Amino acid sequence: MKPSFSNLSPLFAYLRKKREDQKFARSLEIGGTFLLITFFIFFAIKPTFFTISKLVGEIRHKKTLTVQLRKKIDDIIAAQDLFAQVQEKYFLVDESLPSHPSFYNLNSLITSAAAQNQIYFNKIQYNLPEEEIFYKASLNQNSSFASTMAFLTELFQSRRLLDLNNLSFSVDEASSSGQQINLSLPLNVYYWPK
């Protein structure tokens, strides 16, 4: 007996349906795979890529900052070296132009220069005007002309910044030998007020 075509027709329909189901299942697998790949690209790979690019940008920025900071550090080191050189000579500046009137130092300078030339002042007057960068010192004494000139030379060779407005000599008539002169020495003594 020969199978009839009508008996096989449900079998062919069944096989056809199975083949369509397999195609649909494969299409569903492929679509799901693409959907899963897209999901991973957007939610896993894309943030990782952005994080990596952000980190690379930060590394470049930090390299630039490192170069700038290295330059600033080198500048600071050079400034410190320069300051150390200047600081070694600061005492010279402070001796010539102190930050306060320093009456004691000036008094020591005057009395030592005077003592070396046998001049002894009975009185040294100081006057500190307000709102000025100097104070006034007045010296009056009798001595010989040679001693007076040696005293003035030594006084003005000191480092202290002194200004002599005028100088007056007069012969001391009362001296026994007549070789004494009256010295009147008004000085402006400068300092650097803070």
C-alpha atoms as a PDB file:
ATOM      1  CA  MET A   1       0.000   0.000   0.000  1.00  0.00           C
ATOM      2  CA  LYS A   2       1.131   3.227  -0.992  1.00  0.00           C
ATOM      3  CA  PRO A   3       0.880   6.091   1.361  1.00  0.00           C
ATOM      4  CA  SER A   4      -1.375   8.662   0.117  1.00  0.00           C
ATOM      5  CA  PHE A   5      -0.506  12.235  -0.192  1.00  0.00           C
ATOM      6  CA  SER A   6      -3.348  13.305   1.961  1.00  0.00           C
ATOM      7  CA  ASN A   7      -2.029  11.180   4.817  1.00  0.00           C
ATOM      8  CA  LEU A   8       1.350  12.843   4.591  1.00  0.00           C
ATOM      9  CA  SER A   9       0.015  16.336   4.386  1.00  0.00           C
ATOM     10  CA  PRO A  10      -0.333  16.796   8.181  1.00  0.00           C
ATOM     11  CA  LEU A  11       3.222  15.507   8.539  1.00  0.00           C
ATOM     12  CA  PHE A  12       4.499  18.095   6.051  1.00  0.00           C
ATOM     13  CA  ALA A  13       2.512  20.806   7.766  1.00  0.00           C
ATOM     14  CA  TYR A  14       4.001  19.745  11.073  1.00  0.00           C
ATOM     15  CA  LEU A  15       7.568  19.743   9.655  1.00  0.00           C
ATOM     16  CA  ARG A  16       6.978  23.126   8.039  1.00  0.00           C
ATOM     17  CA  LYS A  17       5.724  24.536  11.328  1.00  0.00           C
ATOM     18  CA  LYS A  18       8.752  23.078  13.142  1.00  0.00           C
ATOM     19  CA  ARG A  19      11.078  24.686  10.605  1.00  0.00           C
ATOM     20  CA  GLU A  20       9.390  28.073  11.052  1.00  0.00           C
ATOM     21  CA  ASP A  21       9.616  27.665  14.816  1.00  0.00           C
ATOM     22  CA  GLN A  22      13.349  26.930  14.492  1.00  0.00           C
ATOM     23  CA  LYS A  23      13.811  30.007  12.266  1.00  0.00           C
ATOM     24  CA  PHE A  24      11.879  32.098  14.775  1.00  0.00           C
ATOM     25  CA  ALA A  25      13.952  30.677  17.632  1.00  0.00           C
ATOM     26  CA  ARG A  26      17.181  31.448  15.769  1.00  0.00           C
ATOM     27  CA  SER A  27      15.962  34.953  14.924  1.00  0.00           C
ATOM     28  CA  LEU A  28      15.067  35.382  18.577  1.00  0.00           C
ATOM     29  CA  GLU A  29      18.535  34.136  19.623  1.00  0.00           C
ATOM     30  CA  ILE A  30      20.280  36.487  17.167  1.00  0.00           C
ATOM     31  CA  GLY A  31      18.072  39.433  18.215  1.00  0.00           C
ATOM     32  CA  GLY A  32      18.676  38.651  21.900  1.00  0.00           C
ATOM     33  CA  THR A  33      22.414  38.415  21.246  1.00  0.00           C
ATOM     34  CA  PHE A  34      22.408  41.805  19.500  1.00  0.00           C
ATOM     35  CA  LEU A  35      20.288  43.236  22.281  1.00  0.00           C
ATOM     36  CA  LEU A  36      22.665  41.843  24.910  1.00  0.00           C
ATOM     37  CA  ILE A  37      25.728  43.172  23.018  1.00  0.00           C
ATOM     38  CA  THR A  38      24.089  46.601  22.744  1.00  0.00           C
ATOM     39  CA  PHE A  39      23.269  46.502  26.445  1.00  0.00           C
ATOM     40  CA  PHE A  40      26.900  45.724  27.318  1.00  0.00           C
ATOM     41  CA  ILE A  41      28.194  48.425  24.962  1.00  0.00           C
ATOM     42  CA  PHE A  42      25.995  51.118  26.490  1.00  0.00           C
ATOM     43  CA  PHE A  43      26.081  50.056  30.116  1.00  0.00           C
ATOM     44  CA  ALA A  44      29.479  48.387  30.524  1.00  0.00           C
ATOM     45  CA  ILE A  45      31.937  49.309  27.781  1.00  0.00           C
ATOM     46  CA  LYS A  46      30.850  52.935  27.240  1.00  0.00           C
ATOM     47  CA  PRO A  47      31.271  53.969  30.926  1.00  0.00           C
ATOM     48  CA  THR A  48      34.579  52.118  31.046  1.00  0.00           C
ATOM     49  CA  PHE A  49      35.729  53.942  27.919  1.00  0.00           C
ATOM     50  CA  PHE A  50      34.660  57.301  29.373  1.00  0.00           C
ATOM     51  CA  THR A  51      36.413  56.494  32.649  1.00  0.00           C
ATOM     52  CA  ILE A  52      39.598  55.531  30.809  1.00  0.00           C
ATOM     53  CA  SER A  53      39.521  58.709  28.688  1.00  0.00           C
ATOM     54  CA  LYS A  54      38.846  60.794  31.822  1.00  0.00           C
ATOM     55  CA  LEU A  55      41.794  59.167  33.618  1.00  0.00           C
ATOM     56  CA  VAL A  56      44.056  59.746  30.602  1.00  0.00           C
ATOM     57  CA  GLY A  57      42.982  63.415  30.626  1.00  0.00           C
ATOM     58  CA  GLU A  58      43.710  63.692  34.344  1.00  0.00           C
ATOM     59  CA  ILE A  59      47.132  62.083  33.835  1.00  0.00           C
ATOM     60  CA  ARG A  60      47.973  64.623  31.122  1.00  0.00           C
ATOM     61  CA  HIS A  61      46.707  67.462  33.314  1.00  0.00           C
ATOM     62  CA  LYS A  62      48.776  66.222  36.249  1.00  0.00           C
ATOM     63  CA  LYS A  63      51.866  65.973  34.039  1.00  0.00           C
ATOM     64  CA  THR A  64      51.318  69.606  33.012  1.00  0.00           C
ATOM     65  CA  LEU A  65      50.847  70.594  36.665  1.00  0.00           C
ATOM     66  CA  THR A  66      53.977  68.659  37.610  1.00  0.00           C
ATOM     67  CA  VAL A  67      55.994  70.590  35.025  1.00  0.00           C
ATOM     68  CA  GLN A  68      54.549  73.899  36.273  1.00  0.00           C
ATOM     69  CA  LEU A  69      55.163  72.992  39.916  1.00  0.00           C
ATOM     70  CA  ARG A  70      58.721  71.883  39.117  1.00  0.00           C
ATOM     71  CA  LYS A  71      59.314  75.290  37.504  1.00  0.00           C
ATOM     72  CA  LYS A  72      57.857  77.083  40.535  1.00  0.00           C
ATOM     73  CA  ILE A  73      59.933  74.955  42.902  1.00  0.00           C
ATOM     74  CA  ASP A  74      63.070  75.770  40.896  1.00  0.00           C
ATOM     75  CA  ASP A  75      62.138  79.477  41.046  1.00  0.00           C
ATOM     76  CA  ILE A  76      61.640  79.242  44.815  1.00  0.00           C
ATOM     77  CA  ILE A  77      65.003  77.514  45.233  1.00  0.00           C
ATOM     78  CA  ALA A  78      66.674  80.235  43.154  1.00  0.00           C
ATOM     79  CA  ALA A  79      64.909  82.913  45.230  1.00  0.00           C
ATOM     80  CA  GLN A  80      66.041  81.218  48.444  1.00  0.00           C
ATOM     81  CA  ASP A  81      69.630  81.159  47.196  1.00  0.00           C
ATOM     82  CA  LEU A  82      69.402  84.833  46.264  1.00  0.00           C
ATOM     83  CA  PHE A  83      67.865  85.655  49.646  1.00  0.00           C
ATOM     84  CA  ALA A  84      70.665  83.761  51.401  1.00  0.00           C
ATOM     85  CA  GLN A  85      73.229  85.817  49.474  1.00  0.00           C
ATOM     86  CA  VAL A  86      71.451  89.058  50.366  1.00  0.00           C
ATOM     87  CA  GLN A  87      70.978  87.973  53.968  1.00  0.00           C
ATOM     88  CA  GLU A  88      74.719  87.511  54.325  1.00  0.00           C
ATOM     89  CA  LYS A  89      75.106  91.226  53.553  1.00  0.00           C
ATOM     90  CA  TYR A  90      72.025  92.365  55.466  1.00  0.00           C
ATOM     91  CA  PHE A  91      74.059  93.477  58.465  1.00  0.00           C
ATOM     92  CA  LEU A  92      75.800  96.036  56.213  1.00  0.00           C
ATOM     93  CA  VAL A  93      72.465  97.539  55.230  1.00  0.00           C
ATOM     94  CA  ASP A  94      71.276  97.464  58.829  1.00  0.00           C
ATOM     95  CA  GLU A  95      74.440  99.222  59.971  1.00  0.00           C
ATOM     96  CA  SER A  96      74.027 102.027  57.458  1.00  0.00           C
ATOM     97  CA  LEU A  97      70.225 102.392  57.618  1.00  0.00           C
ATOM     98  CA  PRO A  98      68.800 100.638  60.706  1.00  0.00           C
ATOM     99  CA  SER A  99      65.091 100.001  61.185  1.00  0.00           C
ATOM    100  CA  HIS A 100      64.948 102.056  64.404  1.00  0.00           C
ATOM    101  CA  PRO A 101      66.788 105.200  65.577  1.00  0.00           C
ATOM    102  CA  SER A 102      69.495 103.206  67.413  1.00  0.00           C
ATOM    103  CA  PHE A 103      70.760 106.050  69.608  1.00  0.00           C
ATOM    104  CA  TYR A 104      73.134 103.767  71.497  1.00  0.00           C
ATOM    105  CA  ASN A 105      74.950 102.643  68.326  1.00  0.00           C
ATOM    106  CA  LEU A 106      75.341 106.212  67.095  1.00  0.00           C
ATOM    107  CA  ASN A 107      76.527 107.338  70.528  1.00  0.00           C
ATOM    108  CA  SER A 108      79.117 104.523  70.556  1.00  0.00           C
ATOM    109  CA  LEU A 109      80.278 105.498  67.066  1.00  0.00           C
ATOM    110  CA  ILE A 110      80.677 109.172  68.008  1.00  0.00           C
ATOM    111  CA  THR A 111      82.380 108.575  71.342  1.00  0.00           C
ATOM    112  CA  SER A 112      84.830 105.976  69.964  1.00  0.00           C
ATOM    113  CA  ALA A 113      85.788 108.202  66.992  1.00  0.00           C
ATOM    114  CA  ALA A 114      86.132 111.181  69.350  1.00  0.00           C
ATOM    115  CA  ALA A 115      88.164 109.234  71.923  1.00  0.00           C
ATOM    116  CA  GLN A 116      90.650 108.105  69.261  1.00  0.00           C
ATOM    117  CA  ASN A 117      91.268 111.765  68.496  1.00  0.00           C
ATOM    118  CA  GLN A 118      91.350 112.990  72.124  1.00  0.00           C
ATOM    119  CA  ILE A 119      87.999 114.752  71.843  1.00  0.00           C
ATOM    120  CA  TYR A 120      85.564 114.275  74.708  1.00  0.00           C
ATOM    121  CA  PHE A 121      81.999 115.525  74.419  1.00  0.00           C
ATOM    122  CA  ASN A 122      80.308 116.667  77.597  1.00  0.00           C
ATOM    123  CA  LYS A 123      76.914 116.478  75.991  1.00  0.00           C
ATOM    124  CA  ILE A 124      75.371 115.041  72.805  1.00  0.00           C
ATOM    125  CA  GLN A 125      71.826 116.205  72.091  1.00  0.00           C
ATOM    126  CA  TYR A 126      69.299 114.110  70.171  1.00  0.00           C
ATOM    127  CA  ASN A 127      66.042 115.373  68.739  1.00  0.00           C
ATOM    128  CA  LEU A 128      63.547 112.943  67.194  1.00  0.00           C
ATOM    129  CA  PRO A 129      61.056 114.860  64.998  1.00  0.00           C
ATOM    130  CA  GLU A 130      57.716 113.165  64.370  1.00  0.00           C
ATOM    131  CA  GLU A 131      56.896 111.842  60.899  1.00  0.00           C
ATOM    132  CA  GLU A 132      60.535 112.016  59.768  1.00  0.00           C
ATOM    133  CA  ILE A 133      62.953 109.310  58.638  1.00  0.00           C
ATOM    134  CA  PHE A 134      65.851 110.883  60.488  1.00  0.00           C
ATOM    135  CA  TYR A 135      66.671 112.345  63.854  1.00  0.00           C
ATOM    136  CA  LYS A 136      68.979 115.219  64.714  1.00  0.00           C
ATOM    137  CA  ALA A 137      72.141 114.997  66.770  1.00  0.00           C
ATOM    138  CA  SER A 138      74.019 118.103  67.902  1.00  0.00           C
ATOM    139  CA  LEU A 139      77.662 118.000  68.959  1.00  0.00           C
ATOM    140  CA  ASN A 140      79.479 120.957  70.509  1.00  0.00           C
ATOM    141  CA  GLN A 141      83.019 120.795  71.882  1.00  0.00           C
ATOM    142  CA  ASN A 142      86.386 122.539  72.039  1.00  0.00           C
ATOM    143  CA  SER A 143      89.362 120.755  70.485  1.00  0.00           C
ATOM    144  CA  SER A 144      92.319 121.284  68.181  1.00  0.00           C
ATOM    145  CA  PHE A 145      91.747 121.696  64.454  1.00  0.00           C
ATOM    146  CA  ALA A 146      93.757 118.576  63.505  1.00  0.00           C
ATOM    147  CA  SER A 147      91.870 116.413  66.017  1.00  0.00           C
ATOM    148  CA  THR A 148      88.558 117.798  64.786  1.00  0.00           C
ATOM    149  CA  MET A 149      89.381 117.043  61.128  1.00  0.00           C
ATOM    150  CA  ALA A 150      90.545 113.489  61.994  1.00  0.00           C
ATOM    151  CA  PHE A 151      87.341 112.979  64.008  1.00  0.00           C
ATOM    152  CA  LEU A 152      85.149 114.178  61.120  1.00  0.00           C
ATOM    153  CA  THR A 153      87.028 111.973  58.646  1.00  0.00           C
ATOM    154  CA  GLU A 154      86.559 108.898  60.810  1.00  0.00           C
ATOM    155  CA  LEU A 155      82.914 109.732  61.519  1.00  0.00           C
ATOM    156  CA  PHE A 156      81.994 110.089  57.860  1.00  0.00           C
ATOM    157  CA  GLN A 157      83.894 106.962  56.826  1.00  0.00           C
ATOM    158  CA  SER A 158      81.617 104.864  59.021  1.00  0.00           C
ATOM    159  CA  ARG A 159      78.798 102.875  57.455  1.00  0.00           C
ATOM    160  CA  ARG A 160      76.079 104.854  59.252  1.00  0.00           C
ATOM    161  CA  LEU A 161      74.133 107.178  56.943  1.00  0.00           C
ATOM    162  CA  LEU A 162      74.780 110.708  58.243  1.00  0.00           C
ATOM    163  CA  ASP A 163      73.916 114.070  56.725  1.00  0.00           C
ATOM    164  CA  LEU A 164      75.831 117.200  57.703  1.00  0.00           C
ATOM    165  CA  ASN A 165      73.851 120.348  56.906  1.00  0.00           C
ATOM    166  CA  ASN A 166      76.434 122.849  58.080  1.00  0.00           C
ATOM    167  CA  LEU A 167      79.604 122.930  60.073  1.00  0.00           C
ATOM    168  CA  SER A 168      80.868 125.815  62.114  1.00  0.00           C
ATOM    169  CA  PHE A 169      84.309 126.411  63.608  1.00  0.00           C
ATOM    170  CA  SER A 170      85.260 129.311  65.755  1.00  0.00           C
ATOM    171  CA  VAL A 171      88.471 130.125  67.542  1.00  0.00           C
ATOM    172  CA  ASP A 172      88.277 129.674  71.272  1.00  0.00           C
ATOM    173  CA  GLU A 173      89.622 132.963  72.654  1.00  0.00           C
ATOM    174  CA  ALA A 174      89.552 131.647  76.203  1.00  0.00           C
ATOM    175  CA  SER A 175      92.046 128.816  75.568  1.00  0.00           C
ATOM    176  CA  SER A 176      95.515 129.392  76.941  1.00  0.00           C
ATOM    177  CA  SER A 177      97.390 128.448  73.770  1.00  0.00           C
ATOM    178  CA  GLY A 178      94.861 129.891  71.319  1.00  0.00           C
ATOM    179  CA  GLN A 179      94.963 126.695  69.314  1.00  0.00           C
ATOM    180  CA  GLN A 180      91.558 125.426  70.412  1.00  0.00           C
ATOM    181  CA  ILE A 181      88.471 125.789  68.246  1.00  0.00           C
ATOM    182  CA  ASN A 182      84.802 125.518  69.066  1.00  0.00           C
ATOM    183  CA  LEU A 183      83.143 122.770  66.989  1.00  0.00           C
ATOM    184  CA  SER A 184      79.412 122.883  66.328  1.00  0.00           C
ATOM    185  CA  LEU A 185      78.246 119.830  64.385  1.00  0.00           C
ATOM    186  CA  PRO A 186      74.515 119.370  63.593  1.00  0.00           C
ATOM    187  CA  LEU A 187      73.845 115.932  62.052  1.00  0.00           C
ATOM    188  CA  ASN A 188      70.786 114.348  60.499  1.00  0.00           C
ATOM    189  CA  VAL A 189      70.949 110.625  61.239  1.00  0.00           C
ATOM    190  CA  TYR A 190      68.760 108.489  58.978  1.00  0.00           C
ATOM    191  CA  TYR A 191      66.914 105.277  59.780  1.00  0.00           C
ATOM    192  CA  TRP A 192      64.211 103.217  58.059  1.00  0.00           C
ATOM    193  CA  PRO A 193      61.044 103.241  60.157  1.00  0.00           C
ATOM    194  CA  LYS A 194      58.742 100.257  59.721  1.00  0.00           C
END
